[in-house]
Structure formats: C-alpha cells, structure tokens
PDB file of N, CA and C in Angstrom:
ATOM      1  N   UNK A   1      35.044  -7.583  18.269  1.00  0.00           N
ATOM      2  CA  UNK A   1      33.626  -7.284  18.208  1.00  0.00           C
ATOM      3  C   UNK A   1      32.907  -8.472  17.589  1.00  0.00           C
ATOM      4  N   UNK A   2      31.778  -8.802  18.112  1.00  0.00           N
ATOM      5  CA  UNK A   2      30.997  -9.929  17.647  1.00  0.00           C
ATOM      6  C   UNK A   2      29.926  -9.449  16.672  1.00  0.00           C
ATOM      7  N   UNK A   3      29.949  -9.976  15.455  1.00  0.00           N
ATOM      8  CA  UNK A   3      28.942  -9.574  14.458  1.00  0.00           C
ATOM      9  C   UNK A   3      27.814 -10.590  14.432  1.00  0.00           C
ATOM     10  N   UNK A   4      26.625 -10.078  14.332  1.00  0.00           N
ATOM     11  CA  UNK A   4      25.461 -10.947  14.259  1.00  0.00           C
ATOM     12  C   UNK A   4      24.700 -10.602  12.983  1.00  0.00           C
ATOM     13  N   UNK A   5      24.347 -11.620  12.237  1.00  0.00           N
ATOM     14  CA  UNK A   5      23.601 -11.415  11.007  1.00  0.00           C
ATOM     15  C   UNK A   5      22.138 -11.719  11.262  1.00  0.00           C
ATOM     16  N   UNK A   6      21.310 -10.802  10.855  1.00  0.00           N
ATOM     17  CA  UNK A   6      19.877 -10.997  11.007  1.00  0.00           C
ATOM     18  C   UNK A   6      19.260 -11.160   9.634  1.00  0.00           C
ATOM     19  N   UNK A   7      18.517 -12.216   9.466  1.00  0.00           N
ATOM     20  CA  UNK A   7      17.854 -12.449   8.195  1.00  0.00           C
ATOM     21  C   UNK A   7      16.404 -12.009   8.331  1.00  0.00           C
ATOM     22  N   UNK A   8      15.974 -11.217   7.375  1.00  0.00           N
ATOM     23  CA  UNK A   8      14.589 -10.783   7.391  1.00  0.00           C
ATOM     24  C   UNK A   8      13.821 -11.560   6.347  1.00  0.00           C
ATOM     25  N   UNK A   9      12.592 -11.853   6.646  1.00  0.00           N
ATOM     26  CA  UNK A   9      11.743 -12.586   5.720  1.00  0.00           C
ATOM     27  C   UNK A   9      10.775 -11.657   5.036  1.00  0.00           C
ATOM     28  N   UNK A  10      10.023 -12.200   4.167  1.00  0.00           N
ATOM     29  CA  UNK A  10       8.989 -11.446   3.470  1.00  0.00           C
ATOM     30  C   UNK A  10       7.727 -11.513   4.303  1.00  0.00           C
ATOM     31  N   UNK A  11       7.154 -10.357   4.546  1.00  0.00           N
ATOM     32  CA  UNK A  11       5.911 -10.312   5.326  1.00  0.00           C
ATOM     33  C   UNK A  11       4.715 -10.405   4.397  1.00  0.00           C
ATOM     34  N   UNK A  12       3.792 -11.249   4.758  1.00  0.00           N
ATOM     35  CA  UNK A  12       2.570 -11.387   3.970  1.00  0.00           C
ATOM     36  C   UNK A  12       1.581 -10.304   4.363  1.00  0.00           C
ATOM     37  N   UNK A  13       0.529 -10.177   3.583  1.00  0.00           N
ATOM     38  CA  UNK A  13      -0.519  -9.215   3.907  1.00  0.00           C
ATOM     39  C   UNK A  13      -1.118  -9.512   5.280  1.00  0.00           C
ATOM     40  N   UNK A  14      -1.266 -10.774   5.609  1.00  0.00           N
ATOM     41  CA  UNK A  14      -1.821 -11.156   6.912  1.00  0.00           C
ATOM     42  C   UNK A  14      -0.870 -10.779   8.045  1.00  0.00           C
ATOM     43  N   UNK A  15       0.439 -10.852   7.796  1.00  0.00           N
ATOM     44  CA  UNK A  15       1.421 -10.432   8.800  1.00  0.00           C
ATOM     45  C   UNK A  15       1.255  -8.950   9.113  1.00  0.00           C
ATOM     46  N   UNK A  16       1.078  -8.134   8.059  1.00  0.00           N
ATOM     47  CA  UNK A  16       0.887  -6.704   8.261  1.00  0.00           C
ATOM     48  C   UNK A  16      -0.393  -6.436   9.057  1.00  0.00           C
ATOM     49  N   UNK A  17      -1.458  -7.154   8.745  1.00  0.00           N
ATOM     50  CA  UNK A  17      -2.711  -6.965   9.484  1.00  0.00           C
ATOM     51  C   UNK A  17      -2.532  -7.316  10.956  1.00  0.00           C
ATOM     52  N   UNK A  18      -1.763  -8.349  11.227  1.00  0.00           N
ATOM     53  CA  UNK A  18      -1.524  -8.759  12.609  1.00  0.00           C
ATOM     54  C   UNK A  18      -0.788  -7.680  13.392  1.00  0.00           C
ATOM     55  N   UNK A  19      -0.034  -6.843  12.704  1.00  0.00           N
ATOM     56  CA  UNK A  19       0.678  -5.748  13.365  1.00  0.00           C
ATOM     57  C   UNK A  19      -0.219  -4.543  13.615  1.00  0.00           C
ATOM     58  N   UNK A  20      -1.451  -4.604  13.159  1.00  0.00           N
ATOM     59  CA  UNK A  20      -2.381  -3.508  13.399  1.00  0.00           C
ATOM     60  C   UNK A  20      -2.318  -2.407  12.375  1.00  0.00           C
ATOM     61  N   UNK A  21      -2.006  -2.727  11.149  1.00  0.00           N
ATOM     62  CA  UNK A  21      -1.893  -1.700  10.122  1.00  0.00           C
ATOM     63  C   UNK A  21      -3.149  -1.635   9.251  1.00  0.00           C
ATOM     64  N   UNK A  22      -4.286  -1.837   9.880  1.00  0.00           N
ATOM     65  CA  UNK A  22      -5.544  -1.801   9.135  1.00  0.00           C
ATOM     66  C   UNK A  22      -5.919  -0.391   8.688  1.00  0.00           C
ATOM     67  N   UNK A  23      -5.205   0.608   9.171  1.00  0.00           N
ATOM     68  CA  UNK A  23      -5.537   1.988   8.841  1.00  0.00           C
ATOM     69  C   UNK A  23      -4.616   2.601   7.791  1.00  0.00           C
ATOM     70  N   UNK A  24      -3.899   1.756   7.050  1.00  0.00           N
ATOM     71  CA  UNK A  24      -3.017   2.284   6.018  1.00  0.00           C
ATOM     72  C   UNK A  24      -3.447   1.786   4.643  1.00  0.00           C
ATOM     73  N   UNK A  25      -3.038   2.523   3.637  1.00  0.00           N
ATOM     74  CA  UNK A  25      -3.297   2.133   2.254  1.00  0.00           C
ATOM     75  C   UNK A  25      -2.107   2.564   1.410  1.00  0.00           C
ATOM     76  N   UNK A  26      -1.959   1.943   0.275  1.00  0.00           N
ATOM     77  CA  UNK A  26      -0.875   2.293  -0.633  1.00  0.00           C
ATOM     78  C   UNK A  26      -1.401   2.353  -2.060  1.00  0.00           C
ATOM     79  N   UNK A  27      -0.640   3.029  -2.905  1.00  0.00           N
ATOM     80  CA  UNK A  27      -0.983   3.129  -4.315  1.00  0.00           C
ATOM     81  C   UNK A  27      -0.140   2.148  -5.107  1.00  0.00           C
ATOM     82  N   UNK A  28      -0.770   1.566  -6.110  1.00  0.00           N
ATOM     83  CA  UNK A  28      -0.048   0.684  -7.017  1.00  0.00           C
ATOM     84  C   UNK A  28      -0.388   1.118  -8.436  1.00  0.00           C
ATOM     85  N   UNK A  29       0.601   1.529  -9.211  1.00  0.00           N
ATOM     86  CA  UNK A  29       0.307   1.906 -10.595  1.00  0.00           C
ATOM     87  C   UNK A  29      -0.063   0.669 -11.403  1.00  0.00           C
ATOM     88  N   UNK A  30      -1.074   0.801 -12.208  1.00  0.00           N
ATOM     89  CA  UNK A  30      -1.486  -0.293 -13.079  1.00  0.00           C
ATOM     90  C   UNK A  30      -1.640   0.243 -14.495  1.00  0.00           C
ATOM     91  N   UNK A  31      -1.259  -0.562 -15.447  1.00  0.00           N
ATOM     92  CA  UNK A  31      -1.389  -0.172 -16.847  1.00  0.00           C
ATOM     93  C   UNK A  31      -2.757  -0.585 -17.363  1.00  0.00           C
ATOM     94  N   UNK A  32      -3.403   0.350 -18.026  1.00  0.00           N
ATOM     95  CA  UNK A  32      -4.720   0.121 -18.609  1.00  0.00           C
ATOM     96  C   UNK A  32      -4.694   0.667 -20.032  1.00  0.00           C
ATOM     97  N   UNK A  33      -5.662   0.299 -20.855  1.00  0.00           N
ATOM     98  CA  UNK A  33      -5.689   0.813 -22.231  1.00  0.00           C
ATOM     99  C   UNK A  33      -5.672   2.341 -22.293  1.00  0.00           C
ATOM    100  N   UNK A  34      -6.248   2.991 -21.297  1.00  0.00           N
ATOM    101  CA  UNK A  34      -6.300   4.460 -21.292  1.00  0.00           C
ATOM    102  C   UNK A  34      -5.067   5.102 -20.663  1.00  0.00           C
ATOM    103  N   UNK A  35      -4.102   4.298 -20.252  1.00  0.00           N
ATOM    104  CA  UNK A  35      -2.876   4.827 -19.656  1.00  0.00           C
ATOM    105  C   UNK A  35      -2.668   4.284 -18.252  1.00  0.00           C
ATOM    106  N   UNK A  36      -1.763   4.897 -17.508  1.00  0.00           N
ATOM    107  CA  UNK A  36      -1.468   4.462 -16.145  1.00  0.00           C
ATOM    108  C   UNK A  36      -2.561   4.941 -15.199  1.00  0.00           C
ATOM    109  N   UNK A  37      -3.091   4.015 -14.426  1.00  0.00           N
ATOM    110  CA  UNK A  37      -4.071   4.316 -13.386  1.00  0.00           C
ATOM    111  C   UNK A  37      -3.426   4.003 -12.042  1.00  0.00           C
ATOM    112  N   UNK A  38      -4.052   4.470 -10.968  1.00  0.00           N
ATOM    113  CA  UNK A  38      -3.518   4.243  -9.635  1.00  0.00           C
ATOM    114  C   UNK A  38      -4.532   3.479  -8.802  1.00  0.00           C
ATOM    115  N   UNK A  39      -4.175   2.246  -8.466  1.00  0.00           N
ATOM    116  CA  UNK A  39      -5.030   1.413  -7.634  1.00  0.00           C
ATOM    117  C   UNK A  39      -4.769   1.752  -6.179  1.00  0.00           C
ATOM    118  N   UNK A  40      -5.831   1.947  -5.422  1.00  0.00           N
ATOM    119  CA  UNK A  40      -5.731   2.138  -3.974  1.00  0.00           C
ATOM    120  C   UNK A  40      -5.913   0.763  -3.351  1.00  0.00           C
ATOM    121  N   UNK A  41      -4.910   0.344  -2.580  1.00  0.00           N
ATOM    122  CA  UNK A  41      -4.937  -0.977  -1.962  1.00  0.00           C
ATOM    123  C   UNK A  41      -4.810  -0.840  -0.456  1.00  0.00           C
ATOM    124  N   UNK A  42      -5.533  -1.667   0.263  1.00  0.00           N
ATOM    125  CA  UNK A  42      -5.429  -1.692   1.721  1.00  0.00           C
ATOM    126  C   UNK A  42      -4.225  -2.540   2.122  1.00  0.00           C
ATOM    127  N   UNK A  43      -3.882  -2.518   3.395  1.00  0.00           N
ATOM    128  CA  UNK A  43      -2.693  -3.217   3.879  1.00  0.00           C
ATOM    129  C   UNK A  43      -2.706  -4.706   3.563  1.00  0.00           C
ATOM    130  N   UNK A  44      -3.880  -5.289   3.467  1.00  0.00           N
ATOM    131  CA  UNK A  44      -3.951  -6.718   3.162  1.00  0.00           C
ATOM    132  C   UNK A  44      -3.898  -7.010   1.662  1.00  0.00           C
ATOM    133  N   UNK A  45      -3.691  -5.965   0.853  1.00  0.00           N
ATOM    134  CA  UNK A  45      -3.532  -6.149  -0.577  1.00  0.00           C
ATOM    135  C   UNK A  45      -4.793  -6.033  -1.404  1.00  0.00           C
ATOM    136  N   UNK A  46      -5.924  -5.829  -0.749  1.00  0.00           N
ATOM    137  CA  UNK A  46      -7.175  -5.691  -1.488  1.00  0.00           C
ATOM    138  C   UNK A  46      -7.236  -4.362  -2.217  1.00  0.00           C
ATOM    139  N   UNK A  47      -7.574  -4.419  -3.487  1.00  0.00           N
ATOM    140  CA  UNK A  47      -7.752  -3.194  -4.267  1.00  0.00           C
ATOM    141  C   UNK A  47      -9.162  -2.688  -4.014  1.00  0.00           C
ATOM    142  N   UNK A  48      -9.262  -1.438  -3.537  1.00  0.00           N
ATOM    143  CA  UNK A  48     -10.572  -0.895  -3.182  1.00  0.00           C
ATOM    144  C   UNK A  48     -11.054   0.195  -4.123  1.00  0.00           C
ATOM    145  N   UNK A  49     -10.141   0.757  -4.917  1.00  0.00           N
ATOM    146  CA  UNK A  49     -10.533   1.810  -5.862  1.00  0.00           C
ATOM    147  C   UNK A  49      -9.436   1.988  -6.889  1.00  0.00           C
ATOM    148  N   UNK A  50      -9.796   2.631  -7.994  1.00  0.00           N
ATOM    149  CA  UNK A  50      -8.841   2.967  -9.035  1.00  0.00           C
ATOM    150  C   UNK A  50      -9.086   4.403  -9.453  1.00  0.00           C
ATOM    151  N   UNK A  51      -8.021   5.182  -9.512  1.00  0.00           N
ATOM    152  CA  UNK A  51      -8.110   6.598  -9.879  1.00  0.00           C
ATOM    153  C   UNK A  51      -7.191   6.889 -11.051  1.00  0.00           C
ATOM    154  N   UNK A  52      -7.570   7.884 -11.837  1.00  0.00           N
ATOM    155  CA  UNK A  52      -6.762   8.269 -12.995  1.00  0.00           C
ATOM    156  C   UNK A  52      -5.584   9.153 -12.610  1.00  0.00           C
ATOM    157  N   UNK A  53      -5.692   9.852 -11.481  1.00  0.00           N
ATOM    158  CA  UNK A  53      -4.628  10.770 -11.066  1.00  0.00           C
ATOM    159  C   UNK A  53      -4.110  10.392  -9.681  1.00  0.00           C
ATOM    160  N   UNK A  54      -2.794  10.458  -9.526  1.00  0.00           N
ATOM    161  CA  UNK A  54      -2.154  10.106  -8.256  1.00  0.00           C
ATOM    162  C   UNK A  54      -2.604  11.029  -7.125  1.00  0.00           C
ATOM    163  N   UNK A  55      -2.672  12.327  -7.390  1.00  0.00           N
ATOM    164  CA  UNK A  55      -3.085  13.283  -6.351  1.00  0.00           C
ATOM    165  C   UNK A  55      -4.487  12.982  -5.846  1.00  0.00           C
ATOM    166  N   UNK A  56      -5.378  12.638  -6.754  1.00  0.00           N
ATOM    167  CA  UNK A  56      -6.763  12.312  -6.369  1.00  0.00           C
ATOM    168  C   UNK A  56      -6.783  11.025  -5.553  1.00  0.00           C
ATOM    169  N   UNK A  57      -5.969  10.068  -5.937  1.00  0.00           N
ATOM    170  CA  UNK A  57      -5.914   8.805  -5.196  1.00  0.00           C
ATOM    171  C   UNK A  57      -5.416   9.030  -3.771  1.00  0.00           C
ATOM    172  N   UNK A  58      -4.375   9.851  -3.612  1.00  0.00           N
ATOM    173  CA  UNK A  58      -3.866  10.149  -2.272  1.00  0.00           C
ATOM    174  C   UNK A  58      -4.912  10.891  -1.436  1.00  0.00           C
ATOM    175  N   UNK A  59      -5.606  11.836  -2.045  1.00  0.00           N
ATOM    176  CA  UNK A  59      -6.653  12.566  -1.327  1.00  0.00           C
ATOM    177  C   UNK A  59      -7.780  11.626  -0.910  1.00  0.00           C
ATOM    178  N   UNK A  60      -8.115  10.697  -1.767  1.00  0.00           N
ATOM    179  CA  UNK A  60      -9.169   9.724  -1.453  1.00  0.00           C
ATOM    180  C   UNK A  60      -8.783   8.860  -0.266  1.00  0.00           C
ATOM    181  N   UNK A  61      -7.532   8.442  -0.219  1.00  0.00           N
ATOM    182  CA  UNK A  61      -7.056   7.654   0.923  1.00  0.00           C
ATOM    183  C   UNK A  61      -7.248   8.445   2.211  1.00  0.00           C
ATOM    184  N   UNK A  62      -6.798   9.693   2.219  1.00  0.00           N
ATOM    185  CA  UNK A  62      -6.890  10.526   3.430  1.00  0.00           C
ATOM    186  C   UNK A  62      -8.333  10.832   3.808  1.00  0.00           C
ATOM    187  N   UNK A  63      -9.178  11.089   2.817  1.00  0.00           N
ATOM    188  CA  UNK A  63     -10.584  11.414   3.097  1.00  0.00           C
ATOM    189  C   UNK A  63     -11.330  10.238   3.714  1.00  0.00           C
ATOM    190  N   UNK A  64     -10.802   9.048   3.527  1.00  0.00           N
ATOM    191  CA  UNK A  64     -11.446   7.867   4.086  1.00  0.00           C
ATOM    192  C   UNK A  64     -10.786   7.388   5.373  1.00  0.00           C
ATOM    193  N   UNK A  65     -10.021   8.286   5.998  1.00  0.00           N
ATOM    194  CA  UNK A  65      -9.452   7.984   7.307  1.00  0.00           C
ATOM    195  C   UNK A  65      -8.274   7.033   7.297  1.00  0.00           C
ATOM    196  N   UNK A  66      -7.665   6.851   6.134  1.00  0.00           N
ATOM    197  CA  UNK A  66      -6.508   5.971   6.051  1.00  0.00           C
ATOM    198  C   UNK A  66      -5.244   6.790   5.904  1.00  0.00           C
ATOM    199  N   UNK A  67      -4.132   6.196   6.239  1.00  0.00           N
ATOM    200  CA  UNK A  67      -2.838   6.858   6.112  1.00  0.00           C
ATOM    201  C   UNK A  67      -2.112   6.262   4.907  1.00  0.00           C
ATOM    202  N   UNK A  68      -1.744   7.112   3.934  1.00  0.00           N
ATOM    203  CA  UNK A  68      -1.011   6.575   2.773  1.00  0.00           C
ATOM    204  C   UNK A  68       0.427   6.264   3.157  1.00  0.00           C
ATOM    205  N   UNK A  69       0.920   5.122   2.677  1.00  0.00           N
ATOM    206  CA  UNK A  69       2.301   4.743   2.914  1.00  0.00           C
ATOM    207  C   UNK A  69       2.984   4.496   1.574  1.00  0.00           C
ATOM    208  N   UNK A  70       4.290   4.635   1.578  1.00  0.00           N
ATOM    209  CA  UNK A  70       5.084   4.428   0.378  1.00  0.00           C
ATOM    210  C   UNK A  70       5.714   3.051   0.430  1.00  0.00           C
ATOM    211  N   UNK A  71       5.604   2.321  -0.649  1.00  0.00           N
ATOM    212  CA  UNK A  71       6.238   1.014  -0.759  1.00  0.00           C
ATOM    213  C   UNK A  71       7.403   1.113  -1.719  1.00  0.00           C
ATOM    214  N   UNK A  72       8.477   0.449  -1.388  1.00  0.00           N
ATOM    215  CA  UNK A  72       9.655   0.490  -2.254  1.00  0.00           C
ATOM    216  C   UNK A  72       9.948  -0.875  -2.786  1.00  0.00           C
TER     217      UNK A  72
END
C-alpha cells in the first residue's frame, strides 16, 4: 500500500473569507477586570461585540443572521 502524507497549513482570516464563510462568527473568551467576557468575532477575525454571558453572545450571533462555529 502506498502512503501519502498531506501537510496542512494555517489558514489566514482572508483564506476563510475566500471560501465564502462571511456568514459565520465565533466566540473568543477575553479576560477583563470584571471577569471573563465573550468577544463575538467574524470569520475575518474582527471583533464586533462583547458580551458578559456566553448564552447571550450565541443568541446575538444567531439574531444577526450569522452561524456560530466552534474553534478548537
């Protein structure tokens, strides 16, 4: 059997936009003096809002016609 190794690279925010993922957003936890907040970021990495609660942040993403995605 012939094995082939595939190397994957890191995709930039612009790479994701080129794939047509302008309709997705993700949450990024950020530390603030008042505790952990949740930044709502678009696929290109722009932070568009900050919420105190994760559930509210996810609801905000959906209410604005975006699809929340999980990043690992």
